[in-house]
N, C-alpha and C. Protein backbone atom coordinates (compact mmCIF):
# COMPACT_ATOMS: atom_id res chain seq x y z
N MET A 1 0.98 -1.38 0.11
CA MET A 1 -0.06 0.07 -0.39
C MET A 1 1.09 1.55 -0.14
N CYS A 2 0.86 1.88 -0.86
CA CYS A 2 1.35 3.71 -1.24
C CYS A 2 0.80 4.14 -0.03
N LEU A 3 0.83 5.31 0.24
CA LEU A 3 0.39 6.69 0.61
C LEU A 3 1.05 7.99 0.73
N ALA A 4 0.09 9.27 0.27
CA ALA A 4 0.89 10.40 0.16
C ALA A 4 0.62 11.03 1.69
N ILE A 5 1.79 11.89 1.95
CA ILE A 5 1.67 12.34 3.03
C ILE A 5 1.94 13.65 3.47
N PRO A 6 1.51 14.39 4.16
CA PRO A 6 1.15 15.79 3.79
C PRO A 6 2.60 16.58 4.76
N MET A 7 3.04 17.46 4.10
CA MET A 7 4.08 18.09 4.33
C MET A 7 4.09 19.74 4.18
N GLN A 8 4.54 20.45 4.70
CA GLN A 8 4.66 22.22 4.56
C GLN A 8 6.13 22.26 4.13
N VAL A 9 5.66 23.12 3.16
CA VAL A 9 6.88 23.63 2.74
C VAL A 9 7.95 24.74 3.24
N ILE A 10 9.51 24.29 3.41
CA ILE A 10 10.04 25.65 3.99
C ILE A 10 10.70 25.81 2.91
N GLU A 11 11.00 25.60 2.44
CA GLU A 11 12.13 26.69 0.80
C GLU A 11 11.63 26.35 -0.47
N ILE A 12 11.62 27.18 -1.04
CA ILE A 12 11.19 26.76 -2.36
C ILE A 12 12.42 27.22 -3.55
N ASN A 13 12.71 26.33 -4.50
CA ASN A 13 13.55 26.49 -5.13
C ASN A 13 13.66 25.78 -7.02
N GLY A 14 12.87 27.38 -7.29
CA GLY A 14 12.28 26.52 -8.75
C GLY A 14 11.25 25.37 -8.70
N TYR A 15 11.37 24.32 -8.92
CA TYR A 15 10.16 23.63 -9.14
C TYR A 15 11.15 22.21 -7.97
N VAL A 16 11.84 22.33 -6.69
CA VAL A 16 12.23 21.84 -5.63
C VAL A 16 12.02 22.30 -4.88
N ALA A 17 11.15 22.13 -3.71
CA ALA A 17 11.05 22.71 -2.27
C ALA A 17 11.45 21.69 -1.37
N ARG A 18 11.99 22.35 -0.30
CA ARG A 18 12.57 21.22 0.85
C ARG A 18 11.36 21.69 1.96
N CYS A 19 10.67 20.62 2.08
CA CYS A 19 9.47 20.23 3.01
C CYS A 19 9.71 19.52 4.59
N ALA A 20 8.68 19.24 4.97
CA ALA A 20 8.68 19.02 6.92
C ALA A 20 7.51 18.49 6.88
N ALA A 21 7.81 17.38 7.40
CA ALA A 21 6.59 16.22 8.23
C ALA A 21 7.00 15.70 9.82
N ARG A 22 6.58 15.94 10.99
CA ARG A 22 6.96 15.16 12.03
C ARG A 22 8.47 15.09 12.15
N GLY A 23 9.17 16.15 11.98
CA GLY A 23 10.31 16.05 12.02
C GLY A 23 11.37 15.60 11.23
N VAL A 24 11.11 15.31 10.15
CA VAL A 24 11.57 15.06 8.96
C VAL A 24 11.42 15.99 7.54
N GLU A 25 12.56 16.68 7.47
CA GLU A 25 13.46 16.99 5.86
C GLU A 25 13.42 16.22 4.70
N ARG A 26 12.94 16.20 3.66
CA ARG A 26 13.13 16.06 2.21
C ARG A 26 12.97 17.30 0.96
N GLU A 27 13.42 16.68 0.09
CA GLU A 27 13.15 17.36 -0.88
C GLU A 27 11.95 17.05 -2.19
N VAL A 28 11.35 17.34 -2.31
CA VAL A 28 10.26 17.20 -2.80
C VAL A 28 9.58 17.89 -4.58
N SER A 29 10.04 17.55 -5.58
CA SER A 29 9.32 17.52 -6.35
C SER A 29 8.43 18.74 -6.91
N LEU A 30 8.12 20.22 -7.44
CA LEU A 30 7.31 20.57 -7.56
C LEU A 30 6.35 20.67 -8.73
N PHE A 31 7.30 19.40 -9.82
CA PHE A 31 6.57 20.11 -11.65
C PHE A 31 5.16 19.61 -11.43
N LEU A 32 4.38 18.71 -10.72
CA LEU A 32 3.04 18.23 -11.38
C LEU A 32 2.44 19.54 -10.62
N LEU A 33 2.39 20.83 -9.73
CA LEU A 33 2.22 21.33 -9.28
C LEU A 33 2.93 22.94 -10.23
N GLN A 34 3.29 22.82 -11.31
CA GLN A 34 3.90 24.36 -11.39
C GLN A 34 2.51 25.38 -11.89
N ASP A 35 1.25 24.92 -12.14
CA ASP A 35 0.39 25.95 -12.67
C ASP A 35 -0.60 26.22 -10.97
N GLU A 36 0.24 25.79 -9.59
CA GLU A 36 -0.52 26.15 -8.73
C GLU A 36 0.60 27.16 -7.60
N PRO A 37 -0.08 28.48 -7.24
CA PRO A 37 0.65 29.46 -6.92
C PRO A 37 1.11 28.17 -4.79
N LEU A 38 2.56 28.10 -4.89
CA LEU A 38 2.36 27.79 -4.04
C LEU A 38 3.65 28.85 -2.95
N GLU A 39 3.61 28.95 -1.93
CA GLU A 39 4.94 29.63 -1.03
C GLU A 39 5.13 28.88 0.46
N THR A 40 6.20 29.28 0.80
CA THR A 40 6.53 28.65 2.07
C THR A 40 5.61 28.86 2.90
N GLY A 41 5.48 27.93 4.00
CA GLY A 41 3.92 27.71 4.81
C GLY A 41 3.39 27.02 4.71
N ASP A 42 3.11 26.70 3.12
CA ASP A 42 1.62 25.61 2.48
C ASP A 42 1.75 24.42 2.68
N PHE A 43 1.07 23.57 2.37
CA PHE A 43 0.76 22.20 2.64
C PHE A 43 1.05 21.39 1.59
N VAL A 44 1.58 20.70 1.33
CA VAL A 44 1.42 19.61 0.18
C VAL A 44 0.79 18.28 0.48
N MET A 45 0.30 18.03 -0.60
CA MET A 45 0.60 16.36 -0.47
C MET A 45 1.48 15.62 -1.18
N VAL A 46 2.15 14.79 -0.73
CA VAL A 46 3.67 13.86 -1.31
C VAL A 46 3.79 12.60 -1.13
N HIS A 47 4.13 12.24 -2.37
CA HIS A 47 3.95 10.62 -2.65
C HIS A 47 4.91 10.31 -3.60
N VAL A 48 6.02 10.16 -3.10
CA VAL A 48 7.02 9.10 -3.94
C VAL A 48 7.76 10.57 -4.63
N GLY A 49 7.81 11.52 -3.46
CA GLY A 49 8.95 12.19 -3.84
C GLY A 49 8.54 13.42 -4.62
N HIS A 50 6.65 13.73 -4.80
CA HIS A 50 6.27 14.63 -5.64
C HIS A 50 5.41 15.24 -5.11
N ALA A 51 5.37 16.26 -4.78
CA ALA A 51 4.10 16.94 -4.64
C ALA A 51 3.17 17.08 -5.26
N ILE A 52 1.82 16.30 -5.27
CA ILE A 52 0.88 16.19 -5.80
C ILE A 52 -0.51 16.69 -5.68
N GLN A 53 -0.49 17.92 -4.38
CA GLN A 53 -1.92 18.14 -4.27
C GLN A 53 -1.54 19.67 -3.50
N LYS A 54 -2.14 21.06 -3.10
CA LYS A 54 -1.93 21.59 -1.83
C LYS A 54 -3.18 21.32 -1.33
N MET A 55 -3.12 21.92 -0.11
CA MET A 55 -3.48 20.94 0.99
C MET A 55 -3.64 22.15 2.22
N THR A 56 -4.88 22.35 2.72
CA THR A 56 -5.15 22.89 3.51
C THR A 56 -4.46 23.00 5.10
N PRO A 57 -3.96 23.60 5.96
CA PRO A 57 -3.39 23.03 7.33
C PRO A 57 -4.36 22.46 7.83
N GLU A 58 -6.03 22.41 8.23
CA GLU A 58 -6.64 21.73 8.44
C GLU A 58 -7.00 20.29 7.61
N HIS A 59 -6.42 19.87 6.77
CA HIS A 59 -6.52 19.06 5.87
C HIS A 59 -5.81 18.46 5.99
N ALA A 60 -4.60 19.16 5.81
CA ALA A 60 -3.11 18.13 6.43
C ALA A 60 -3.46 17.42 7.89
N GLU A 61 -3.77 18.29 9.08
CA GLU A 61 -4.02 17.97 10.62
C GLU A 61 -4.78 16.38 10.55
N SER A 62 -5.58 16.70 9.42
CA SER A 62 -7.17 15.35 9.23
C SER A 62 -6.05 14.16 8.93
N ALA A 63 -5.47 14.41 7.84
CA ALA A 63 -4.92 13.33 7.54
C ALA A 63 -4.06 12.62 8.85
N TRP A 64 -3.04 13.70 9.47
CA TRP A 64 -2.54 12.47 10.15
C TRP A 64 -2.75 11.99 11.88
N GLN A 65 -4.32 12.64 11.96
CA GLN A 65 -4.59 12.17 12.58
C GLN A 65 -5.27 11.23 12.16
N ILE A 66 -5.96 11.07 10.96
CA ILE A 66 -6.20 9.45 10.37
C ILE A 66 -5.27 8.06 10.15
N TYR A 67 -4.05 8.72 9.77
CA TYR A 67 -2.27 8.03 9.90
C TYR A 67 -2.28 7.35 11.12
N ASP A 68 -2.46 8.79 12.37
CA ASP A 68 -1.63 8.26 13.89
C ASP A 68 -3.10 6.99 14.11
N GLU A 69 -4.14 6.99 13.95
CA GLU A 69 -5.54 5.83 13.90
C GLU A 69 -4.91 5.01 13.84
N MET A 70 -4.44 4.24 12.87
CA MET A 70 -4.27 3.56 11.86
C MET A 70 -3.01 2.98 12.74
N LEU A 71 -2.06 3.42 12.77
CA LEU A 71 -1.08 3.04 13.34
C LEU A 71 -1.46 2.76 15.23
N ALA A 72 -2.02 3.22 15.89
CA ALA A 72 -2.47 2.99 16.98
C ALA A 72 -3.15 1.12 16.97
N ALA A 73 -4.42 1.26 15.82
CA ALA A 73 -4.96 0.38 15.75
C ALA A 73 -4.03 -1.20 15.65
N GLU A 74 -3.13 -0.53 14.54
CA GLU A 74 -2.01 -2.01 14.48
C GLU A 74 -0.75 -1.85 15.78
N GLY A 75 -0.67 -1.14 16.37
CA GLY A 75 -0.40 -1.39 17.42
C GLY A 75 1.16 -0.86 16.96
N LEU A 76 1.70 0.13 15.97
CA LEU A 76 2.98 0.33 15.65
C LEU A 76 3.59 1.30 15.94
N PRO A 77 5.21 1.71 16.33
CA PRO A 77 5.21 2.88 16.63
C PRO A 77 4.81 4.08 15.80
N GLY A 78 4.97 4.79 16.69
CA GLY A 78 5.03 6.33 15.66
C GLY A 78 3.61 7.14 15.81
N SER A 79 2.59 6.53 16.57
CA SER A 79 1.46 7.06 16.73
C SER A 79 1.30 8.53 18.03
N ALA A 80 1.04 9.44 17.48
CA ALA A 80 1.07 10.41 18.35
C ALA A 80 0.38 10.14 19.68
């Protein structure tokens, strides 16, 4: 199963952004969102290194809550 992860944009350099989630930072391609106005502080849904959708902070938090519930139900570490 593959999941997309909500991440916050912390730096933009052309079509590459530095994004963070839960203390982990990654370089993310913005190529698929090149027509979407993005700024630092925005949230994006990231799948296999590519931002695939801009999202609201509320939607990002909601997704993380669901992921935490799934991890907790499986008894896996990482749930907050």
